[in-house]
Amino acid sequence: KVVFTPKTMCNVARSCTSCATLESEFECRWCPSFNQCGGGMYRYQQNWTNAGCDEPDNTLSTVDECENHNQEKDDHEEYNGVGRGYSASLALVLLVYFRSFMA
């Protein structure tokens, strides 16, 4: 009896931290511009390359790098005054506003 066991691929990680801590035979790195974990064998290698993720300076590979990146992103959103909640609220207000014209 032969049993094949699949190798854990980097793309199973859905966040920077899970990518950095993933136990895999591949060198997994998180690419913030592509918002995916990849490395080595990768199904979307061309997209990874097009997003600049093949450059080590454009990817994150440690939990510390992930935390620093997340903090910078949070600071940037706070500085701009625009966050996910604000965008969703604005979309809802616009939807209600335009629906009132359609009635």
C-alpha atoms as a PDB file:
ATOM      1  CA  LYS A   1       0.000   0.000   0.000  1.00  0.00           C
ATOM      2  CA  VAL A   2       1.385   3.385  -1.020  1.00  0.00           C
ATOM      3  CA  VAL A   3       0.168   6.516   0.730  1.00  0.00           C
ATOM      4  CA  PHE A   4       0.877   9.939  -0.675  1.00  0.00           C
ATOM      5  CA  THR A   5       0.878  12.793   1.809  1.00  0.00           C
ATOM      6  CA  PRO A   6       0.580  16.280   0.337  1.00  0.00           C
ATOM      7  CA  LYS A   7       3.097  18.896   1.395  1.00  0.00           C
ATOM      8  CA  THR A   8       1.797  21.940   3.179  1.00  0.00           C
ATOM      9  CA  MET A   9       1.813  24.762   0.664  1.00  0.00           C
ATOM     10  CA  CYS A  10       2.290  28.394   1.649  1.00  0.00           C
ATOM     11  CA  ASN A  11      -0.996  29.513   0.107  1.00  0.00           C
ATOM     12  CA  VAL A  12      -3.014  27.821   2.888  1.00  0.00           C
ATOM     13  CA  ALA A  13      -2.045  30.709   5.195  1.00  0.00           C
ATOM     14  CA  ARG A  14      -4.617  33.508   5.124  1.00  0.00           C
ATOM     15  CA  SER A  15      -2.784  36.143   7.162  1.00  0.00           C
ATOM     16  CA  CYS A  16       0.705  37.490   7.563  1.00  0.00           C
ATOM     17  CA  THR A  17       1.147  35.923  10.998  1.00  0.00           C
ATOM     18  CA  SER A  18      -0.149  32.517   9.918  1.00  0.00           C
ATOM     19  CA  CYS A  19       2.192  32.681   6.923  1.00  0.00           C
ATOM     20  CA  ALA A  20       5.200  33.530   9.098  1.00  0.00           C
ATOM     21  CA  THR A  21       4.472  30.666  11.499  1.00  0.00           C
ATOM     22  CA  LEU A  22       3.422  28.043   8.947  1.00  0.00           C
ATOM     23  CA  GLU A  23       5.343  24.783   9.187  1.00  0.00           C
ATOM     24  CA  SER A  24       6.196  23.993   5.585  1.00  0.00           C
ATOM     25  CA  GLU A  25       9.081  22.681   3.542  1.00  0.00           C
ATOM     26  CA  PHE A  26       8.796  25.842   1.457  1.00  0.00           C
ATOM     27  CA  GLU A  27      10.134  29.286   2.318  1.00  0.00           C
ATOM     28  CA  CYS A  28       6.817  31.020   2.940  1.00  0.00           C
ATOM     29  CA  ARG A  29       6.615  34.812   2.777  1.00  0.00           C
ATOM     30  CA  TRP A  30       3.659  37.213   3.048  1.00  0.00           C
ATOM     31  CA  CYS A  31       3.240  39.748   0.274  1.00  0.00           C
ATOM     32  CA  PRO A  32       1.182  42.737   1.509  1.00  0.00           C
ATOM     33  CA  SER A  33       0.604  44.135  -1.999  1.00  0.00           C
ATOM     34  CA  PHE A  34      -0.876  40.793  -3.131  1.00  0.00           C
ATOM     35  CA  ASN A  35      -2.357  39.959   0.298  1.00  0.00           C
ATOM     36  CA  GLN A  36      -1.247  36.326   0.054  1.00  0.00           C
ATOM     37  CA  CYS A  37       1.328  33.911   1.352  1.00  0.00           C
ATOM     38  CA  GLY A  38       3.562  32.249  -1.193  1.00  0.00           C
ATOM     39  CA  GLY A  39       6.962  30.839  -1.902  1.00  0.00           C
ATOM     40  CA  GLY A  40       8.553  28.062  -3.851  1.00  0.00           C
ATOM     41  CA  MET A  41       5.874  26.220  -5.766  1.00  0.00           C
ATOM     42  CA  TYR A  42       2.985  28.590  -6.254  1.00  0.00           C
ATOM     43  CA  ARG A  43      -0.072  28.230  -8.449  1.00  0.00           C
ATOM     44  CA  TYR A  44      -0.330  31.961  -9.140  1.00  0.00           C
ATOM     45  CA  GLN A  45       3.391  32.551  -9.591  1.00  0.00           C
ATOM     46  CA  GLN A  46       2.893  35.037 -12.436  1.00  0.00           C
ATOM     47  CA  ASN A  47       0.511  37.173 -10.339  1.00  0.00           C
ATOM     48  CA  TRP A  48       2.969  36.941  -7.431  1.00  0.00           C
ATOM     49  CA  THR A  49       5.763  38.194  -9.696  1.00  0.00           C
ATOM     50  CA  ASN A  50       3.615  40.930 -11.255  1.00  0.00           C
ATOM     51  CA  ALA A  51       2.801  42.255  -7.770  1.00  0.00           C
ATOM     52  CA  GLY A  52       6.534  42.530  -7.011  1.00  0.00           C
ATOM     53  CA  CYS A  53       6.386  39.747  -4.438  1.00  0.00           C
ATOM     54  CA  ASP A  54       9.424  37.999  -5.873  1.00  0.00           C
ATOM     55  CA  GLU A  55      11.574  40.769  -4.362  1.00  0.00           C
ATOM     56  CA  PRO A  56      12.505  39.926  -0.733  1.00  0.00           C
ATOM     57  CA  ASP A  57      12.159  43.599   0.280  1.00  0.00           C
ATOM     58  CA  ASN A  58       8.475  43.473  -0.711  1.00  0.00           C
ATOM     59  CA  THR A  59       7.585  40.486   1.482  1.00  0.00           C
ATOM     60  CA  LEU A  60       7.400  39.678   5.188  1.00  0.00           C
ATOM     61  CA  SER A  61       8.619  36.440   6.735  1.00  0.00           C
ATOM     62  CA  THR A  62       8.610  36.902  10.519  1.00  0.00           C
ATOM     63  CA  VAL A  63       5.922  37.623  13.099  1.00  0.00           C
ATOM     64  CA  ASP A  64       7.781  40.821  14.077  1.00  0.00           C
ATOM     65  CA  GLU A  65       7.702  42.049  10.485  1.00  0.00           C
ATOM     66  CA  CYS A  66       3.959  41.282  10.324  1.00  0.00           C
ATOM     67  CA  GLU A  67       3.252  43.149  13.564  1.00  0.00           C
ATOM     68  CA  ASN A  68       5.294  46.157  12.426  1.00  0.00           C
ATOM     69  CA  HIS A  69       3.499  46.197   9.069  1.00  0.00           C
ATOM     70  CA  ASN A  70       0.074  45.934  10.734  1.00  0.00           C
ATOM     71  CA  GLN A  71       0.943  48.780  13.112  1.00  0.00           C
ATOM     72  CA  GLU A  72       2.095  50.995  10.226  1.00  0.00           C
ATOM     73  CA  LYS A  73      -1.112  50.198   8.320  1.00  0.00           C
ATOM     74  CA  ASP A  74      -3.261  51.002  11.385  1.00  0.00           C
ATOM     75  CA  ASP A  75      -1.382  54.276  11.937  1.00  0.00           C
ATOM     76  CA  HIS A  76      -1.840  55.194   8.269  1.00  0.00           C
ATOM     77  CA  GLU A  77      -5.595  54.512   8.362  1.00  0.00           C
ATOM     78  CA  GLU A  78      -5.947  56.484  11.601  1.00  0.00           C
ATOM     79  CA  TYR A  79      -3.999  59.392  10.114  1.00  0.00           C
ATOM     80  CA  ASN A  80      -6.171  59.445   6.994  1.00  0.00           C
ATOM     81  CA  GLY A  81      -9.322  59.222   9.055  1.00  0.00           C
ATOM     82  CA  VAL A  82     -10.533  56.489   6.749  1.00  0.00           C
ATOM     83  CA  GLY A  83     -10.946  52.947   7.978  1.00  0.00           C
ATOM     84  CA  ARG A  84     -12.952  49.935   6.967  1.00  0.00           C
ATOM     85  CA  GLY A  85     -15.875  50.917   9.188  1.00  0.00           C
ATOM     86  CA  TYR A  86     -16.012  54.416   7.714  1.00  0.00           C
ATOM     87  CA  SER A  87     -16.062  53.100   4.145  1.00  0.00           C
ATOM     88  CA  ALA A  88     -18.834  50.602   4.903  1.00  0.00           C
ATOM     89  CA  SER A  89     -20.918  53.287   6.637  1.00  0.00           C
ATOM     90  CA  LEU A  90     -20.470  55.677   3.734  1.00  0.00           C
ATOM     91  CA  ALA A  91     -21.566  52.995   1.256  1.00  0.00           C
ATOM     92  CA  LEU A  92     -24.688  52.270   3.310  1.00  0.00           C
ATOM     93  CA  VAL A  93     -25.607  55.959   3.538  1.00  0.00           C
ATOM     94  CA  LEU A  94     -25.176  56.389  -0.210  1.00  0.00           C
ATOM     95  CA  LEU A  95     -27.270  53.293  -0.910  1.00  0.00           C
ATOM     96  CA  VAL A  96     -30.131  54.543   1.273  1.00  0.00           C
ATOM     97  CA  TYR A  97     -29.839  58.033  -0.219  1.00  0.00           C
ATOM     98  CA  PHE A  98     -30.050  56.867  -3.836  1.00  0.00           C
ATOM     99  CA  ARG A  99     -32.801  54.354  -3.082  1.00  0.00           C
ATOM    100  CA  SER A 100     -34.955  57.229  -1.806  1.00  0.00           C
ATOM    101  CA  PHE A 101     -34.824  58.750  -5.316  1.00  0.00           C
ATOM    102  CA  MET A 102     -35.806  55.482  -6.942  1.00  0.00           C
ATOM    103  CA  ALA A 103     -38.998  55.065  -4.895  1.00  0.00           C
END
